[in-house]
Amino acid sequence: MVIEYNRPVTLEAALSLLARRDVRTLPLGGGTILNQPSGFLYAVVDLQSLGLDTIQARGNTLTLGACVTLQKLLEIPVLPETLKMVVRQEASYNLRQVATLAGTLVSADGRSPVAAALLALDATLEIKSASGPAEQVSLGELLPVRGERLAGRLITSVALPLKTRLAYEYVARTPVDLPIVCVALAHWPSGRTRLVLGGYGDAPILALDGPEPGGVEIAARDAYSQAGDEWASAEYRQNVAGLLAGRCLAIITG
């Protein structure tokens, strides 16, 4: 439950509030998570007035402010169509209007298509605190330790490559459901290939990061050898992950 609301107009003021130790203070972007009923007591720092919704494409890098909404992503001309499809699967139109990019990544579990795709693209996040310089952290580094790494800190931007090819395939119970299994495969002009699996667990997992795309089907099956839950058995996910990885590889190489 929210016990205190703050709306600072400078980043410094926001970071100072988040650094407080006497009251648990959390950043408020779109509010799709924090506005849900909760038994916890916390203060919020509304980020709307901080200008964290900028979009900048420069060279091979697209830098997105942390508060850019998912719907706004779909309006970016240089955003790859595959990534736009991923964004549409992440949330309905109404939720995309308010859900922010950083908030989506912070709250993502293994079924998040956006987190899976950005992990495959090796997205980099800028994190700031009230003390010390800004940090540049890869999404892969952050996901397993989000709670402790972001305590008193704030994601200010997300950067991803524009010239990296991305393929994404998934299986879901219906077209509007989050995936039971999804595969995101990113391929750089240098040959570097990253394979990420989603649809299970606390966060998407990196199954392969190598100098070439060979072996993606085997890597996918191995990574999901224990991925059983109430949605699907591990055997099912293994078979589907291998099949989808093969499809993504055919898209990339084709």
Protein backbone atom coordinates (compact mmCIF):
# COMPACT_ATOMS: atom_id res chain seq x y z
CA MET A 1 0.00 0.00 0.00
CA VAL A 2 1.25 3.48 -0.89
CA ILE A 3 1.79 5.56 2.25
CA GLU A 4 3.58 8.50 0.62
CA TYR A 5 3.52 10.03 -2.85
CA ASN A 6 6.31 12.20 -4.27
CA ARG A 7 6.64 13.83 -7.69
CA PRO A 8 10.08 15.46 -7.92
CA VAL A 9 11.01 17.65 -10.87
CA THR A 10 14.74 16.86 -10.90
CA LEU A 11 16.58 13.56 -11.19
CA GLU A 12 18.74 14.50 -8.21
CA ALA A 13 15.68 14.92 -5.99
CA ALA A 14 14.26 11.61 -7.15
CA LEU A 15 17.52 9.77 -6.44
CA SER A 16 17.73 11.37 -3.00
CA LEU A 17 14.24 10.11 -2.16
CA LEU A 18 15.02 6.61 -3.43
CA ALA A 19 18.18 6.49 -1.29
CA ARG A 20 16.24 6.95 1.96
CA ARG A 21 16.55 4.14 4.48
CA ASP A 22 13.83 5.15 6.91
CA VAL A 23 11.00 4.31 4.53
CA ARG A 24 10.92 1.86 1.64
CA THR A 25 10.74 4.03 -1.49
CA LEU A 26 10.09 2.75 -5.01
CA PRO A 27 10.06 4.43 -8.43
CA LEU A 28 6.64 4.81 -10.05
CA GLY A 29 6.55 4.75 -13.84
CA GLY A 30 3.32 3.60 -15.41
CA GLY A 31 2.03 2.12 -12.17
CA THR A 32 0.85 -1.16 -13.71
CA ILE A 33 2.57 -3.11 -10.92
CA LEU A 34 2.69 -0.74 -7.95
CA ASN A 35 -0.98 0.16 -8.28
CA GLN A 36 -1.97 -3.46 -7.70
CA PRO A 37 -3.15 -4.43 -4.18
CA SER A 38 -0.26 -5.28 -1.88
CA GLY A 39 0.33 -5.98 1.80
CA PHE A 40 3.59 -3.99 1.78
CA LEU A 41 3.88 -0.38 2.90
CA TYR A 42 6.00 1.88 0.71
CA ALA A 43 6.49 5.39 -0.59
CA VAL A 44 6.59 6.10 -4.33
CA VAL A 45 8.58 8.51 -6.47
CA ASP A 46 6.59 9.45 -9.56
CA LEU A 47 8.97 9.72 -12.54
CA GLN A 48 6.66 11.61 -14.91
CA SER A 49 8.37 15.00 -14.54
CA LEU A 50 11.96 13.83 -15.02
CA GLY A 51 12.14 13.74 -18.82
CA LEU A 52 12.97 10.03 -18.94
CA ASP A 53 10.92 9.42 -22.07
CA THR A 54 13.45 10.42 -24.72
CA ILE A 55 14.19 8.38 -27.85
CA GLN A 56 17.52 8.72 -29.66
CA ALA A 57 18.84 6.71 -32.61
CA ARG A 58 22.52 7.28 -33.28
CA GLY A 59 24.61 5.03 -35.48
CA ASN A 60 23.96 1.43 -34.52
CA THR A 61 22.40 2.25 -31.14
CA LEU A 62 18.85 3.07 -30.12
CA THR A 63 18.73 4.66 -26.67
CA LEU A 64 15.34 4.72 -24.96
CA GLY A 65 14.43 6.62 -21.82
CA ALA A 66 13.31 4.40 -18.98
CA CYS A 67 9.81 5.89 -19.03
CA VAL A 68 9.12 5.36 -22.72
CA THR A 69 5.85 3.45 -22.83
CA LEU A 70 5.46 0.17 -24.66
CA GLN A 71 2.94 1.80 -26.99
CA LYS A 72 5.43 4.56 -27.81
CA LEU A 73 7.93 1.89 -28.85
CA LEU A 74 5.58 0.82 -31.62
CA GLU A 75 5.72 4.35 -33.05
CA ILE A 76 9.51 4.37 -33.50
CA PRO A 77 10.23 4.06 -37.25
CA VAL A 78 13.65 2.40 -36.81
CA LEU A 79 12.45 -0.23 -34.34
CA PRO A 80 12.66 -3.64 -36.07
CA GLU A 81 9.30 -5.17 -36.94
CA THR A 82 10.15 -8.34 -35.01
CA LEU A 83 10.64 -6.30 -31.86
CA LYS A 84 7.33 -4.51 -32.46
CA MET A 85 5.60 -7.89 -32.64
CA VAL A 86 7.21 -8.83 -29.33
CA VAL A 87 5.96 -5.61 -27.72
CA ARG A 88 2.40 -6.31 -28.89
CA GLN A 89 2.53 -9.76 -27.31
CA GLU A 90 3.79 -8.36 -24.00
CA ALA A 91 0.64 -6.44 -23.11
CA SER A 92 -2.77 -5.34 -24.36
CA TYR A 93 -3.28 -1.93 -25.98
CA ASN A 94 -4.58 -0.34 -22.77
CA LEU A 95 -1.65 -1.60 -20.70
CA ARG A 96 0.86 -0.56 -23.36
CA GLN A 97 -0.37 3.01 -23.01
CA VAL A 98 0.94 3.21 -19.44
CA ALA A 99 3.50 0.43 -18.97
CA THR A 100 7.08 1.73 -19.24
CA LEU A 101 10.05 -0.07 -20.73
CA ALA A 102 12.11 -0.05 -17.52
CA GLY A 103 9.13 -1.08 -15.42
CA THR A 104 8.46 -3.99 -17.76
CA LEU A 105 12.04 -5.23 -17.41
CA VAL A 106 12.15 -4.79 -13.63
CA SER A 107 8.91 -6.72 -13.10
CA ALA A 108 9.43 -9.31 -15.86
CA ASP A 109 9.29 -13.01 -15.18
CA GLY A 110 10.28 -15.78 -17.56
CA ARG A 111 7.15 -15.34 -19.67
CA SER A 112 7.98 -11.76 -20.70
CA PRO A 113 8.54 -11.54 -24.49
CA VAL A 114 10.13 -8.08 -24.20
CA ALA A 115 12.63 -9.23 -21.57
CA ALA A 116 13.51 -12.27 -23.69
CA ALA A 117 14.06 -10.22 -26.85
CA LEU A 118 16.12 -7.52 -25.14
CA LEU A 119 18.22 -10.13 -23.37
CA ALA A 120 18.95 -11.71 -26.75
CA LEU A 121 19.94 -8.28 -28.10
CA ASP A 122 22.27 -7.82 -25.10
CA ALA A 123 20.58 -4.56 -24.14
CA THR A 124 22.49 -2.23 -21.81
CA LEU A 125 20.87 -0.25 -19.01
CA GLU A 126 22.08 2.96 -17.42
CA ILE A 127 21.57 2.96 -13.65
CA LYS A 128 22.01 6.02 -11.44
CA SER A 129 22.14 6.55 -7.70
CA ALA A 130 22.40 9.52 -5.37
CA SER A 131 26.09 8.79 -4.86
CA GLY A 132 28.64 7.76 -7.42
CA PRO A 133 28.75 7.83 -11.21
CA ALA A 134 26.19 6.25 -13.52
CA GLU A 135 26.63 2.53 -14.17
CA GLN A 136 26.27 0.73 -17.48
CA VAL A 137 24.88 -2.75 -16.81
CA SER A 138 23.84 -5.45 -19.26
CA LEU A 139 20.32 -6.78 -18.89
CA GLY A 140 21.77 -10.25 -18.41
CA GLU A 141 23.77 -9.04 -15.39
CA LEU A 142 20.77 -7.28 -13.88
CA LEU A 143 17.93 -9.78 -14.23
CA PRO A 144 19.09 -12.33 -11.61
CA VAL A 145 19.76 -9.63 -8.97
CA ARG A 146 17.19 -6.94 -9.72
CA GLY A 147 15.97 -6.53 -6.15
CA GLU A 148 19.34 -5.92 -4.54
CA ARG A 149 21.01 -4.17 -7.49
CA LEU A 150 18.24 -1.59 -7.89
CA ALA A 151 17.67 -0.81 -4.20
CA GLY A 152 17.99 2.98 -3.92
CA ARG A 153 18.87 3.23 -7.62
CA LEU A 154 17.03 4.10 -10.80
CA ILE A 155 17.19 2.84 -14.37
CA THR A 156 17.36 5.95 -16.57
CA SER A 157 17.77 4.49 -20.06
CA VAL A 158 17.97 1.29 -22.11
CA ALA A 159 20.22 0.95 -25.16
CA LEU A 160 19.99 -1.74 -27.84
CA PRO A 161 21.68 -2.37 -31.19
CA LEU A 162 19.87 -1.54 -34.42
CA LYS A 163 21.90 -3.54 -36.94
CA THR A 164 21.52 -6.85 -35.17
CA ARG A 165 19.04 -9.27 -36.72
CA LEU A 166 16.39 -10.63 -34.38
CA ALA A 167 14.15 -13.66 -34.85
CA TYR A 168 11.38 -14.55 -32.42
CA GLU A 169 9.10 -17.58 -32.31
CA TYR A 170 6.70 -18.71 -29.62
CA VAL A 171 3.97 -21.13 -28.58
CA ALA A 172 1.04 -19.96 -26.43
CA ARG A 173 -2.37 -21.32 -25.56
CA THR A 174 -4.04 -18.49 -27.52
CA PRO A 175 -2.63 -15.68 -29.68
CA VAL A 176 -3.24 -13.15 -26.88
CA ASP A 177 -1.64 -15.21 -24.09
CA LEU A 178 1.93 -14.90 -22.87
CA PRO A 179 4.11 -17.72 -24.22
CA ILE A 180 4.51 -21.17 -22.75
CA VAL A 181 7.75 -21.33 -24.72
CA CYS A 182 9.42 -18.55 -26.68
CA VAL A 183 12.77 -18.27 -28.41
CA ALA A 184 14.62 -15.07 -29.30
CA LEU A 185 17.69 -15.35 -31.50
CA ALA A 186 19.92 -12.33 -32.18
CA HIS A 187 22.66 -12.38 -34.82
CA TRP A 188 25.32 -9.68 -35.28
CA PRO A 189 27.10 -8.90 -38.58
CA SER A 190 30.28 -10.25 -36.93
CA GLY A 191 28.63 -13.66 -36.54
CA ARG A 192 27.99 -13.39 -32.81
CA THR A 193 24.76 -15.17 -31.89
CA ARG A 194 22.71 -15.06 -28.68
CA LEU A 195 19.89 -17.49 -27.99
CA VAL A 196 17.38 -16.73 -25.22
CA LEU A 197 14.50 -18.90 -24.02
CA GLY A 198 11.37 -17.63 -22.31
CA GLY A 199 8.05 -18.92 -21.09
CA TYR A 200 9.31 -20.40 -17.83
CA GLY A 201 10.79 -19.41 -14.48
CA ASP A 202 11.63 -16.11 -12.83
CA ALA A 203 13.34 -14.63 -15.89
CA PRO A 204 14.24 -15.55 -19.49
CA ILE A 205 17.51 -17.47 -19.73
CA LEU A 206 20.50 -17.10 -22.01
CA ALA A 207 21.08 -20.49 -23.62
CA LEU A 208 23.88 -19.58 -26.03
CA ASP A 209 26.23 -16.67 -26.70
CA GLY A 210 28.85 -17.59 -29.23
CA PRO A 211 30.77 -16.52 -32.34
CA GLU A 212 28.43 -18.42 -34.70
CA PRO A 213 24.87 -19.77 -34.76
CA GLY A 214 25.72 -23.47 -34.87
CA GLY A 215 24.18 -25.69 -32.22
CA VAL A 216 21.20 -23.51 -31.28
CA GLU A 217 18.72 -26.41 -31.33
CA ILE A 218 20.84 -28.50 -28.96
CA ALA A 219 21.47 -25.51 -26.70
CA ALA A 220 17.74 -24.81 -26.52
CA ARG A 221 16.88 -28.38 -25.56
CA ASP A 222 19.64 -28.56 -22.96
CA ALA A 223 18.63 -25.26 -21.36
CA TYR A 224 15.05 -26.44 -20.80
CA SER A 225 15.79 -29.96 -19.58
CA GLN A 226 14.30 -29.11 -16.16
CA ALA A 227 11.71 -26.53 -17.25
CA GLY A 228 8.52 -28.16 -16.03
CA ASP A 229 5.67 -26.36 -14.26
CA GLU A 230 1.87 -26.20 -14.20
CA TRP A 231 1.81 -24.86 -17.77
CA ALA A 232 3.90 -27.53 -19.49
CA SER A 233 6.22 -30.46 -18.84
CA ALA A 234 9.98 -30.16 -19.22
CA GLU A 235 9.91 -32.70 -22.06
CA TYR A 236 7.36 -30.63 -23.95
CA ARG A 237 9.35 -27.43 -23.48
CA GLN A 238 12.57 -29.15 -24.57
CA ASN A 239 11.04 -30.36 -27.82
CA VAL A 240 9.30 -27.07 -28.60
CA ALA A 241 12.34 -24.95 -27.70
CA GLY A 242 14.52 -26.97 -30.07
CA LEU A 243 11.95 -26.68 -32.86
CA LEU A 244 11.52 -22.92 -32.38
CA ALA A 245 15.27 -22.36 -32.21
CA GLY A 246 15.58 -24.12 -35.55
CA ARG A 247 12.91 -21.87 -37.03
CA CYS A 248 14.66 -18.75 -35.74
CA LEU A 249 17.95 -19.96 -37.20
CA ALA A 250 16.29 -20.48 -40.58
CA ILE A 251 14.93 -16.92 -40.45
CA ILE A 252 18.32 -15.47 -39.54
CA THR A 253 20.32 -17.42 -42.09
CA GLY A 254 17.66 -17.01 -44.77
